[in-house]
Amino acid sequence: NTLSDPFDLIIVASGALEINGAEPEKSIRAVSARAMMDQFALNAIG
């Protein structure tokens, strides 16, 4: 909201493969709710 003038180009380059030490799962059996929510919060909702 502090930005007023429009930009010709906007790039969202943020993201993470590991968050809070949670490595990518090798199997669906390794899924945890917390790790998945952290991924969605940064990589999708952000």
ModelCIF file with pLDDT and N, C-alpha, C, O atoms, coordinates in Angstrom:
data_MODEL
#
_entry.id   MODEL 
#
_entity.id                         1 
_entity.type                       polymer 
_entity.pdbx_number_of_molecules   1 
#
_entity_poly.entity_id                      1 
_entity_poly.type                           'polypeptide(L)' 
_entity_poly.nstd_linkage                   no 
_entity_poly.nstd_monomer                   no 
_entity_poly.pdbx_seq_one_letter_code       NTLSDPFDLIIVASGALEINGAEPEKSIRAVSARAMMDQFALNAIG 
_entity_poly.pdbx_seq_one_letter_code_can   NTLSDPFDLIIVASGALEINGAEPEKSIRAVSARAMMDQFALNAIG 
_entity_poly.pdbx_strand_id                 A 
#
loop_
_entity_poly_seq.entity_id 
_entity_poly_seq.num 
_entity_poly_seq.mon_id 
_entity_poly_seq.hetero 
1 1  ASN n 
1 2  THR n 
1 3  LEU n 
1 4  SER n 
1 5  ASP n 
1 6  PRO n 
1 7  PHE n 
1 8  ASP n 
1 9  LEU n 
1 10 ILE n 
1 11 ILE n 
1 12 VAL n 
1 13 ALA n 
1 14 SER n 
1 15 GLY n 
1 16 ALA n 
1 17 LEU n 
1 18 GLU n 
1 19 ILE n 
1 20 ASN n 
1 21 GLY n 
1 22 ALA n 
1 23 GLU n 
1 24 PRO n 
1 25 GLU n 
1 26 LYS n 
1 27 SER n 
1 28 ILE n 
1 29 ARG n 
1 30 ALA n 
1 31 VAL n 
1 32 SER n 
1 33 ALA n 
1 34 ARG n 
1 35 ALA n 
1 36 MET n 
1 37 MET n 
1 38 ASP n 
1 39 GLN n 
1 40 PHE n 
1 41 ALA n 
1 42 LEU n 
1 43 ASN n 
1 44 ALA n 
1 45 ILE n 
1 46 GLY n 
#
_struct_asym.id          A 
_struct_asym.entity_id   1 
#
loop_
_ma_qa_metric.id 
_ma_qa_metric.mode 
_ma_qa_metric.name 
_ma_qa_metric.software_group_id 
_ma_qa_metric.type 
1 global pLDDT . pLDDT 
2 local  pLDDT . pLDDT 
#
_ma_qa_metric_global.metric_id      1 
_ma_qa_metric_global.metric_value   95.30 
_ma_qa_metric_global.model_id       1 
_ma_qa_metric_global.ordinal_id     1 
#
loop_
_ma_qa_metric_local.label_asym_id 
_ma_qa_metric_local.label_comp_id 
_ma_qa_metric_local.label_seq_id 
_ma_qa_metric_local.metric_id 
_ma_qa_metric_local.metric_value 
_ma_qa_metric_local.model_id 
_ma_qa_metric_local.ordinal_id 
A ASN 1  2 97.00 1 1  
A THR 2  2 96.00 1 2  
A LEU 3  2 96.00 1 3  
A SER 4  2 89.00 1 4  
A ASP 5  2 90.00 1 5  
A PRO 6  2 96.00 1 6  
A PHE 7  2 98.00 1 7  
A ASP 8  2 98.00 1 8  
A LEU 9  2 98.00 1 9  
A ILE 10 2 98.00 1 10 
A ILE 11 2 98.00 1 11 
A VAL 12 2 98.00 1 12 
A ALA 13 2 97.00 1 13 
A SER 14 2 93.00 1 14 
A GLY 15 2 89.00 1 15 
A ALA 16 2 90.00 1 16 
A LEU 17 2 89.00 1 17 
A GLU 18 2 91.00 1 18 
A ILE 19 2 93.00 1 19 
A ASN 20 2 92.00 1 20 
A GLY 21 2 91.00 1 21 
A ALA 22 2 93.00 1 22 
A GLU 23 2 92.00 1 23 
A PRO 24 2 92.00 1 24 
A GLU 25 2 95.00 1 25 
A LYS 26 2 93.00 1 26 
A SER 27 2 96.00 1 27 
A ILE 28 2 96.00 1 28 
A ARG 29 2 96.00 1 29 
A ALA 30 2 96.00 1 30 
A VAL 31 2 96.00 1 31 
A SER 32 2 97.00 1 32 
A ALA 33 2 98.00 1 33 
A ARG 34 2 97.00 1 34 
A ALA 35 2 97.00 1 35 
A MET 36 2 97.00 1 36 
A MET 37 2 98.00 1 37 
A ASP 38 2 97.00 1 38 
A GLN 39 2 97.00 1 39 
A PHE 40 2 98.00 1 40 
A ALA 41 2 98.00 1 41 
A LEU 42 2 97.00 1 42 
A ASN 43 2 97.00 1 43 
A ALA 44 2 98.00 1 44 
A ILE 45 2 98.00 1 45 
A GLY 46 2 98.00 1 46 
#
loop_
_atom_site.group_PDB 
_atom_site.id 
_atom_site.type_symbol 
_atom_site.label_atom_id 
_atom_site.label_alt_id 
_atom_site.label_comp_id 
_atom_site.label_asym_id 
_atom_site.label_entity_id 
_atom_site.label_seq_id 
_atom_site.pdbx_PDB_ins_code 
_atom_site.Cartn_x 
_atom_site.Cartn_y 
_atom_site.Cartn_z 
_atom_site.occupancy 
_atom_site.B_iso_or_equiv 
_atom_site.pdbx_formal_charge 
_atom_site.auth_seq_id 
_atom_site.auth_comp_id 
_atom_site.auth_asym_id 
_atom_site.auth_atom_id 
_atom_site.pdbx_PDB_model_num 
ATOM 1   N N  . ASN A 1 1  ? 0.813  -1.219  0.000   1.00 97.00 ? 1  ASN A N  1 
ATOM 2   C CA . ASN A 1 1  ? 0.000  0.000   0.000   1.00 97.00 ? 1  ASN A CA 1 
ATOM 3   C C  . ASN A 1 1  ? 0.846  1.268   0.000   1.00 97.00 ? 1  ASN A C  1 
ATOM 4   O O  . ASN A 1 1  ? 0.334  2.356   -0.266  1.00 97.00 ? 1  ASN A O  1 
ATOM 5   N N  . THR A 1 2  ? 2.137  1.136   0.297   1.00 96.00 ? 2  THR A N  1 
ATOM 6   C CA . THR A 1 2  ? 3.022  2.305   0.236   1.00 96.00 ? 2  THR A CA 1 
ATOM 7   C C  . THR A 1 2  ? 3.475  2.586   -1.191  1.00 96.00 ? 2  THR A C  1 
ATOM 8   O O  . THR A 1 2  ? 4.063  3.631   -1.469  1.00 96.00 ? 2  THR A O  1 
ATOM 9   N N  . LEU A 1 3  ? 3.196  1.641   -2.102  1.00 96.00 ? 3  LEU A N  1 
ATOM 10  C CA . LEU A 1 3  ? 3.585  1.814   -3.505  1.00 96.00 ? 3  LEU A CA 1 
ATOM 11  C C  . LEU A 1 3  ? 2.415  2.412   -4.276  1.00 96.00 ? 3  LEU A C  1 
ATOM 12  O O  . LEU A 1 3  ? 1.303  1.885   -4.241  1.00 96.00 ? 3  LEU A O  1 
ATOM 13  N N  . SER A 1 4  ? 2.667  3.494   -4.956  1.00 89.00 ? 4  SER A N  1 
ATOM 14  C CA . SER A 1 4  ? 1.568  4.181   -5.634  1.00 89.00 ? 4  SER A CA 1 
ATOM 15  C C  . SER A 1 4  ? 1.656  4.090   -7.150  1.00 89.00 ? 4  SER A C  1 
ATOM 16  O O  . SER A 1 4  ? 0.670  3.759   -7.808  1.00 89.00 ? 4  SER A O  1 
ATOM 17  N N  . ASP A 1 5  ? 2.833  4.381   -7.713  1.00 90.00 ? 5  ASP A N  1 
ATOM 18  C CA . ASP A 1 5  ? 2.968  4.363   -9.170  1.00 90.00 ? 5  ASP A CA 1 
ATOM 19  C C  . ASP A 1 5  ? 2.958  2.924   -9.686  1.00 90.00 ? 5  ASP A C  1 
ATOM 20  O O  . ASP A 1 5  ? 3.511  2.039   -9.033  1.00 90.00 ? 5  ASP A O  1 
ATOM 21  N N  . PRO A 1 6  ? 2.347  2.674   -10.835 1.00 96.00 ? 6  PRO A N  1 
ATOM 22  C CA . PRO A 1 6  ? 2.323  1.320   -11.400 1.00 96.00 ? 6  PRO A CA 1 
ATOM 23  C C  . PRO A 1 6  ? 3.690  0.907   -11.948 1.00 96.00 ? 6  PRO A C  1 
ATOM 24  O O  . PRO A 1 6  ? 4.540  1.751   -12.234 1.00 96.00 ? 6  PRO A O  1 
ATOM 25  N N  . PHE A 1 7  ? 3.883  -0.402  -12.087 1.00 98.00 ? 7  PHE A N  1 
ATOM 26  C CA . PHE A 1 7  ? 5.144  -0.962  -12.566 1.00 98.00 ? 7  PHE A CA 1 
ATOM 27  C C  . PHE A 1 7  ? 4.926  -1.654  -13.910 1.00 98.00 ? 7  PHE A C  1 
ATOM 28  O O  . PHE A 1 7  ? 3.915  -2.324  -14.122 1.00 98.00 ? 7  PHE A O  1 
ATOM 29  N N  . ASP A 1 8  ? 5.887  -1.481  -14.811 1.00 98.00 ? 8  ASP A N  1 
ATOM 30  C CA . ASP A 1 8  ? 5.802  -2.154  -16.104 1.00 98.00 ? 8  ASP A CA 1 
ATOM 31  C C  . ASP A 1 8  ? 6.016  -3.657  -15.959 1.00 98.00 ? 8  ASP A C  1 
ATOM 32  O O  . ASP A 1 8  ? 5.501  -4.442  -16.756 1.00 98.00 ? 8  ASP A O  1 
ATOM 33  N N  . LEU A 1 9  ? 6.773  -4.052  -14.946 1.00 98.00 ? 9  LEU A N  1 
ATOM 34  C CA . LEU A 1 9  ? 7.071  -5.460  -14.701 1.00 98.00 ? 9  LEU A CA 1 
ATOM 35  C C  . LEU A 1 9  ? 7.048  -5.741  -13.210 1.00 98.00 ? 9  LEU A C  1 
ATOM 36  O O  . LEU A 1 9  ? 7.657  -5.023  -12.417 1.00 98.00 ? 9  LEU A O  1 
ATOM 37  N N  . ILE A 1 10 ? 6.335  -6.797  -12.841 1.00 98.00 ? 10 ILE A N  1 
ATOM 38  C CA . ILE A 1 10 ? 6.342  -7.277  -11.463 1.00 98.00 ? 10 ILE A CA 1 
ATOM 39  C C  . ILE A 1 10 ? 6.734  -8.747  -11.503 1.00 98.00 ? 10 ILE A C  1 
ATOM 40  O O  . ILE A 1 10 ? 6.139  -9.535  -12.238 1.00 98.00 ? 10 ILE A O  1 
ATOM 41  N N  . ILE A 1 11 ? 7.738  -9.115  -10.709 1.00 98.00 ? 11 ILE A N  1 
ATOM 42  C CA . ILE A 1 11 ? 8.166  -10.511 -10.629 1.00 98.00 ? 11 ILE A CA 1 
ATOM 43  C C  . ILE A 1 11 ? 8.138  -10.950 -9.173  1.00 98.00 ? 11 ILE A C  1 
ATOM 44  O O  . ILE A 1 11 ? 8.745  -10.309 -8.314  1.00 98.00 ? 11 ILE A O  1 
ATOM 45  N N  . VAL A 1 12 ? 7.436  -12.040 -8.896  1.00 98.00 ? 12 VAL A N  1 
ATOM 46  C CA . VAL A 1 12 ? 7.469  -12.656 -7.571  1.00 98.00 ? 12 VAL A CA 1 
ATOM 47  C C  . VAL A 1 12 ? 8.463  -13.810 -7.655  1.00 98.00 ? 12 VAL A C  1 
ATOM 48  O O  . VAL A 1 12 ? 8.175  -14.862 -8.226  1.00 98.00 ? 12 VAL A O  1 
ATOM 49  N N  . ALA A 1 13 ? 9.641  -13.587 -7.070  1.00 97.00 ? 13 ALA A N  1 
ATOM 50  C CA . ALA A 1 13 ? 10.717 -14.568 -7.151  1.00 97.00 ? 13 ALA A CA 1 
ATOM 51  C C  . ALA A 1 13 ? 10.945 -15.281 -5.826  1.00 97.00 ? 13 ALA A C  1 
ATOM 52  O O  . ALA A 1 13 ? 11.912 -16.028 -5.678  1.00 97.00 ? 13 ALA A O  1 
ATOM 53  N N  . SER A 1 14 ? 10.066 -15.053 -4.873  1.00 93.00 ? 14 SER A N  1 
ATOM 54  C CA . SER A 1 14 ? 10.196 -15.698 -3.561  1.00 93.00 ? 14 SER A CA 1 
ATOM 55  C C  . SER A 1 14 ? 9.736  -17.148 -3.637  1.00 93.00 ? 14 SER A C  1 
ATOM 56  O O  . SER A 1 14 ? 8.949  -17.524 -4.505  1.00 93.00 ? 14 SER A O  1 
ATOM 57  N N  . GLY A 1 15 ? 10.239 -17.943 -2.717  1.00 89.00 ? 15 GLY A N  1 
ATOM 58  C CA . GLY A 1 15 ? 9.811  -19.331 -2.654  1.00 89.00 ? 15 GLY A CA 1 
ATOM 59  C C  . GLY A 1 15 ? 10.792 -20.138 -1.834  1.00 89.00 ? 15 GLY A C  1 
ATOM 60  O O  . GLY A 1 15 ? 11.884 -19.663 -1.520  1.00 89.00 ? 15 GLY A O  1 
ATOM 61  N N  . ALA A 1 16 ? 10.414 -21.355 -1.485  1.00 90.00 ? 16 ALA A N  1 
ATOM 62  C CA . ALA A 1 16 ? 11.302 -22.223 -0.705  1.00 90.00 ? 16 ALA A CA 1 
ATOM 63  C C  . ALA A 1 16 ? 10.960 -23.674 -0.963  1.00 90.00 ? 16 ALA A C  1 
ATOM 64  O O  . ALA A 1 16 ? 9.797  -24.037 -1.140  1.00 90.00 ? 16 ALA A O  1 
ATOM 65  N N  . LEU A 1 17 ? 11.990 -24.494 -0.982  1.00 89.00 ? 17 LEU A N  1 
ATOM 66  C CA . LEU A 1 17 ? 11.826 -25.933 -1.124  1.00 89.00 ? 17 LEU A CA 1 
ATOM 67  C C  . LEU A 1 17 ? 11.796 -26.599 0.248   1.00 89.00 ? 17 LEU A C  1 
ATOM 68  O O  . LEU A 1 17 ? 11.075 -27.573 0.467   1.00 89.00 ? 17 LEU A O  1 
ATOM 69  N N  . GLU A 1 18 ? 12.593 -26.053 1.167   1.00 91.00 ? 18 GLU A N  1 
ATOM 70  C CA . GLU A 1 18 ? 12.580 -26.490 2.556   1.00 91.00 ? 18 GLU A CA 1 
ATOM 71  C C  . GLU A 1 18 ? 12.141 -25.332 3.441   1.00 91.00 ? 18 GLU A C  1 
ATOM 72  O O  . GLU A 1 18 ? 12.629 -24.212 3.287   1.00 91.00 ? 18 GLU A O  1 
ATOM 73  N N  . ILE A 1 19 ? 11.229 -25.593 4.360   1.00 93.00 ? 19 ILE A N  1 
ATOM 74  C CA . ILE A 1 19 ? 10.790 -24.579 5.316   1.00 93.00 ? 19 ILE A CA 1 
ATOM 75  C C  . ILE A 1 19 ? 10.843 -25.185 6.710   1.00 93.00 ? 19 ILE A C  1 
ATOM 76  O O  . ILE A 1 19 ? 10.282 -26.253 6.954   1.00 93.00 ? 19 ILE A O  1 
ATOM 77  N N  . ASN A 1 20 ? 11.515 -24.499 7.616   1.00 92.00 ? 20 ASN A N  1 
ATOM 78  C CA . ASN A 1 20 ? 11.662 -24.972 9.001   1.00 92.00 ? 20 ASN A CA 1 
ATOM 79  C C  . ASN A 1 20 ? 12.212 -26.394 9.065   1.00 92.00 ? 20 ASN A C  1 
ATOM 80  O O  . ASN A 1 20 ? 11.797 -27.205 9.893   1.00 92.00 ? 20 ASN A O  1 
ATOM 81  N N  . GLY A 1 21 ? 13.162 -26.674 8.162   1.00 91.00 ? 21 GLY A N  1 
ATOM 82  C CA . GLY A 1 21 ? 13.841 -27.958 8.185   1.00 91.00 ? 21 GLY A CA 1 
ATOM 83  C C  . GLY A 1 21 ? 13.080 -29.118 7.581   1.00 91.00 ? 21 GLY A C  1 
ATOM 84  O O  . GLY A 1 21 ? 13.583 -30.241 7.582   1.00 91.00 ? 21 GLY A O  1 
ATOM 85  N N  . ALA A 1 22 ? 11.885 -28.886 7.066   1.00 93.00 ? 22 ALA A N  1 
ATOM 86  C CA . ALA A 1 22 ? 11.088 -29.963 6.477   1.00 93.00 ? 22 ALA A CA 1 
ATOM 87  C C  . ALA A 1 22 ? 11.532 -30.181 5.030   1.00 93.00 ? 22 ALA A C  1 
ATOM 88  O O  . ALA A 1 22 ? 11.304 -29.329 4.171   1.00 93.00 ? 22 ALA A O  1 
ATOM 89  N N  . GLU A 1 23 ? 12.159 -31.310 4.770   1.00 92.00 ? 23 GLU A N  1 
ATOM 90  C CA . GLU A 1 23 ? 12.636 -31.624 3.435   1.00 92.00 ? 23 GLU A CA 1 
ATOM 91  C C  . GLU A 1 23 ? 11.488 -32.132 2.557   1.00 92.00 ? 23 GLU A C  1 
ATOM 92  O O  . GLU A 1 23 ? 10.478 -32.607 3.076   1.00 92.00 ? 23 GLU A O  1 
ATOM 93  N N  . PRO A 1 24 ? 11.634 -32.036 1.234   1.00 92.00 ? 24 PRO A N  1 
ATOM 94  C CA . PRO A 1 24 ? 10.598 -32.568 0.341   1.00 92.00 ? 24 PRO A CA 1 
ATOM 95  C C  . PRO A 1 24 ? 10.352 -34.051 0.622   1.00 92.00 ? 24 PRO A C  1 
ATOM 96  O O  . PRO A 1 24 ? 11.290 -34.821 0.827   1.00 92.00 ? 24 PRO A O  1 
ATOM 97  N N  . GLU A 1 25 ? 9.088  -34.432 0.627   1.00 95.00 ? 25 GLU A N  1 
ATOM 98  C CA . GLU A 1 25 ? 8.740  -35.814 0.961   1.00 95.00 ? 25 GLU A CA 1 
ATOM 99  C C  . GLU A 1 25 ? 9.132  -36.758 -0.177  1.00 95.00 ? 25 GLU A C  1 
ATOM 100 O O  . GLU A 1 25 ? 8.970  -36.431 -1.353  1.00 95.00 ? 25 GLU A O  1 
ATOM 101 N N  . LYS A 1 26 ? 9.640  -37.908 0.182   1.00 93.00 ? 26 LYS A N  1 
ATOM 102 C CA . LYS A 1 26 ? 9.920  -38.935 -0.818  1.00 93.00 ? 26 LYS A CA 1 
ATOM 103 C C  . LYS A 1 26 ? 8.673  -39.752 -1.126  1.00 93.00 ? 26 LYS A C  1 
ATOM 104 O O  . LYS A 1 26 ? 8.612  -40.449 -2.139  1.00 93.00 ? 26 LYS A O  1 
ATOM 105 N N  . SER A 1 27 ? 7.682  -39.662 -0.248  1.00 96.00 ? 27 SER A N  1 
ATOM 106 C CA . SER A 1 27 ? 6.475  -40.471 -0.399  1.00 96.00 ? 27 SER A CA 1 
ATOM 107 C C  . SER A 1 27 ? 5.306  -39.753 0.265   1.00 96.00 ? 27 SER A C  1 
ATOM 108 O O  . SER A 1 27 ? 5.504  -38.914 1.143   1.00 96.00 ? 27 SER A O  1 
ATOM 109 N N  . ILE A 1 28 ? 4.092  -40.083 -0.154  1.00 96.00 ? 28 ILE A N  1 
ATOM 110 C CA . ILE A 1 28 ? 2.896  -39.543 0.477   1.00 96.00 ? 28 ILE A CA 1 
ATOM 111 C C  . ILE A 1 28 ? 2.845  -39.923 1.955   1.00 96.00 ? 28 ILE A C  1 
ATOM 112 O O  . ILE A 1 28 ? 2.204  -39.237 2.752   1.00 96.00 ? 28 ILE A O  1 
ATOM 113 N N  . ARG A 1 29 ? 3.514  -41.004 2.320   1.00 96.00 ? 29 ARG A N  1 
ATOM 114 C CA . ARG A 1 29 ? 3.518  -41.448 3.718   1.00 96.00 ? 29 ARG A CA 1 
ATOM 115 C C  . ARG A 1 29 ? 4.258  -40.471 4.623   1.00 96.00 ? 29 ARG A C  1 
ATOM 116 O O  . ARG A 1 29 ? 4.092  -40.503 5.842   1.00 96.00 ? 29 ARG A O  1 
ATOM 117 N N  . ALA A 1 30 ? 5.071  -39.606 4.033   1.00 96.00 ? 30 ALA A N  1 
ATOM 118 C CA . ALA A 1 30 ? 5.862  -38.663 4.823   1.00 96.00 ? 30 ALA A CA 1 
ATOM 119 C C  . ALA A 1 30 ? 5.191  -37.298 4.978   1.00 96.00 ? 30 ALA A C  1 
ATOM 120 O O  . ALA A 1 30 ? 5.758  -36.404 5.606   1.00 96.00 ? 30 ALA A O  1 
ATOM 121 N N  . VAL A 1 31 ? 4.007  -37.125 4.422   1.00 96.00 ? 31 VAL A N  1 
ATOM 122 C CA . VAL A 1 31 ? 3.327  -35.821 4.475   1.00 96.00 ? 31 VAL A CA 1 
ATOM 123 C C  . VAL A 1 31 ? 2.957  -35.456 5.904   1.00 96.00 ? 31 VAL A C  1 
ATOM 124 O O  . VAL A 1 31 ? 2.467  -36.283 6.673   1.00 96.00 ? 31 VAL A O  1 
ATOM 125 N N  . SER A 1 32 ? 3.207  -34.185 6.242   1.00 97.00 ? 32 SER A N  1 
ATOM 126 C CA . SER A 1 32 ? 2.729  -33.644 7.521   1.00 97.00 ? 32 SER A CA 1 
ATOM 127 C C  . SER A 1 32 ? 1.914  -32.393 7.232   1.00 97.00 ? 32 SER A C  1 
ATOM 128 O O  . SER A 1 32 ? 2.211  -31.639 6.306   1.00 97.00 ? 32 SER A O  1 
ATOM 129 N N  . ALA A 1 33 ? 0.889  -32.188 8.037   1.00 98.00 ? 33 ALA A N  1 
ATOM 130 C CA . ALA A 1 33 ? 0.005  -31.040 7.826   1.00 98.00 ? 33 ALA A CA 1 
ATOM 131 C C  . ALA A 1 33 ? 0.771  -29.730 7.949   1.00 98.00 ? 33 ALA A C  1 
ATOM 132 O O  . ALA A 1 33 ? 0.566  -28.811 7.156   1.00 98.00 ? 33 ALA A O  1 
ATOM 133 N N  . ARG A 1 34 ? 1.667  -29.642 8.956   1.00 97.00 ? 34 ARG A N  1 
ATOM 134 C CA . ARG A 1 34 ? 2.392  -28.399 9.189   1.00 97.00 ? 34 ARG A CA 1 
ATOM 135 C C  . ARG A 1 34 ? 3.284  -28.045 8.010   1.00 97.00 ? 34 ARG A C  1 
ATOM 136 O O  . ARG A 1 34 ? 3.294  -26.904 7.550   1.00 97.00 ? 34 ARG A O  1 
ATOM 137 N N  . ALA A 1 35 ? 4.031  -29.027 7.525   1.00 97.00 ? 35 ALA A N  1 
ATOM 138 C CA . ALA A 1 35 ? 4.940  -28.768 6.401   1.00 97.00 ? 35 ALA A CA 1 
ATOM 139 C C  . ALA A 1 35 ? 4.171  -28.370 5.157   1.00 97.00 ? 35 ALA A C  1 
ATOM 140 O O  . ALA A 1 35 ? 4.601  -27.485 4.418   1.00 97.00 ? 35 ALA A O  1 
ATOM 141 N N  . MET A 1 36 ? 3.029  -29.018 4.916   1.00 97.00 ? 36 MET A N  1 
ATOM 142 C CA . MET A 1 36 ? 2.244  -28.683 3.732   1.00 97.00 ? 36 MET A CA 1 
ATOM 143 C C  . MET A 1 36 ? 1.641  -27.285 3.844   1.00 97.00 ? 36 MET A C  1 
ATOM 144 O O  . MET A 1 36 ? 1.619  -26.538 2.866   1.00 97.00 ? 36 MET A O  1 
ATOM 145 N N  . MET A 1 37 ? 1.158  -26.934 5.014   1.00 98.00 ? 37 MET A N  1 
ATOM 146 C CA . MET A 1 37 ? 0.607  -25.590 5.201   1.00 98.00 ? 37 MET A CA 1 
ATOM 147 C C  . MET A 1 37 ? 1.676  -24.522 5.017   1.00 98.00 ? 37 MET A C  1 
ATOM 148 O O  . MET A 1 37 ? 1.406  -23.460 4.456   1.00 98.00 ? 37 MET A O  1 
ATOM 149 N N  . ASP A 1 38 ? 2.910  -24.803 5.495   1.00 97.00 ? 38 ASP A N  1 
ATOM 150 C CA . ASP A 1 38 ? 4.005  -23.845 5.318   1.00 97.00 ? 38 ASP A CA 1 
ATOM 151 C C  . ASP A 1 38 ? 4.318  -23.645 3.839   1.00 97.00 ? 38 ASP A C  1 
ATOM 152 O O  . ASP A 1 38 ? 4.564  -22.520 3.403   1.00 97.00 ? 38 ASP A O  1 
ATOM 153 N N  . GLN A 1 39 ? 4.312  -24.727 3.066   1.00 97.00 ? 39 GLN A N  1 
ATOM 154 C CA . GLN A 1 39 ? 4.573  -24.622 1.631   1.00 97.00 ? 39 GLN A CA 1 
ATOM 155 C C  . GLN A 1 39 ? 3.505  -23.785 0.934   1.00 97.00 ? 39 GLN A C  1 
ATOM 156 O O  . GLN A 1 39 ? 3.815  -22.927 0.108   1.00 97.00 ? 39 GLN A O  1 
ATOM 157 N N  . PHE A 1 40 ? 2.256  -24.042 1.274   1.00 98.00 ? 40 PHE A N  1 
ATOM 158 C CA . PHE A 1 40 ? 1.171  -23.293 0.635   1.00 98.00 ? 40 PHE A CA 1 
ATOM 159 C C  . PHE A 1 40 ? 1.205  -21.821 1.045   1.00 98.00 ? 40 PHE A C  1 
ATOM 160 O O  . PHE A 1 40 ? 0.939  -20.942 0.224   1.00 98.00 ? 40 PHE A O  1 
ATOM 161 N N  . ALA A 1 41 ? 1.529  -21.548 2.308   1.00 98.00 ? 41 ALA A N  1 
ATOM 162 C CA . ALA A 1 41 ? 1.552  -20.166 2.777   1.00 98.00 ? 41 ALA A CA 1 
ATOM 163 C C  . ALA A 1 41 ? 2.553  -19.329 1.987   1.00 98.00 ? 41 ALA A C  1 
ATOM 164 O O  . ALA A 1 41 ? 2.256  -18.196 1.608   1.00 98.00 ? 41 ALA A O  1 
ATOM 165 N N  . LEU A 1 42 ? 3.734  -19.884 1.741   1.00 97.00 ? 42 LEU A N  1 
ATOM 166 C CA . LEU A 1 42 ? 4.775  -19.122 1.047   1.00 97.00 ? 42 LEU A CA 1 
ATOM 167 C C  . LEU A 1 42 ? 4.654  -19.196 -0.473  1.00 97.00 ? 42 LEU A C  1 
ATOM 168 O O  . LEU A 1 42 ? 4.735  -18.173 -1.154  1.00 97.00 ? 42 LEU A O  1 
ATOM 169 N N  . ASN A 1 43 ? 4.461  -20.390 -1.002  1.00 97.00 ? 43 ASN A N  1 
ATOM 170 C CA . ASN A 1 43 ? 4.557  -20.590 -2.453  1.00 97.00 ? 43 ASN A CA 1 
ATOM 171 C C  . ASN A 1 43 ? 3.264  -20.349 -3.219  1.00 97.00 ? 43 ASN A C  1 
ATOM 172 O O  . ASN A 1 43 ? 3.292  -20.151 -4.433  1.00 97.00 ? 43 ASN A O  1 
ATOM 173 N N  . ALA A 1 44 ? 2.132  -20.365 -2.521  1.00 98.00 ? 44 ALA A N  1 
ATOM 174 C CA . ALA A 1 44 ? 0.851  -20.171 -3.216  1.00 98.00 ? 44 ALA A CA 1 
ATOM 175 C C  . ALA A 1 44 ? 0.079  -18.970 -2.688  1.00 98.00 ? 44 ALA A C  1 
ATOM 176 O O  . ALA A 1 44 ? -0.292 -18.079 -3.453  1.00 98.00 ? 44 ALA A O  1 
ATOM 177 N N  . ILE A 1 45 ? -0.162 -18.947 -1.387  1.00 98.00 ? 45 ILE A N  1 
ATOM 178 C CA . ILE A 1 45 ? -0.949 -17.846 -0.819  1.00 98.00 ? 45 ILE A CA 1 
ATOM 179 C C  . ILE A 1 45 ? -0.188 -16.530 -0.918  1.00 98.00 ? 45 ILE A C  1 
ATOM 180 O O  . ILE A 1 45 ? -0.782 -15.492 -1.210  1.00 98.00 ? 45 ILE A O  1 
ATOM 181 N N  . GLY A 1 46 ? 1.113  -16.563 -0.680  1.00 98.00 ? 46 GLY A N  1 
ATOM 182 C CA . GLY A 1 46 ? 1.913  -15.339 -0.760  1.00 98.00 ? 46 GLY A CA 1 
ATOM 183 C C  . GLY A 1 46 ? 1.791  -14.641 -2.105  1.00 98.00 ? 46 GLY A C  1 
ATOM 184 O O  . GLY A 1 46 ? 2.409  -13.597 -2.317  1.00 98.00 ? 46 GLY A O  1 
#
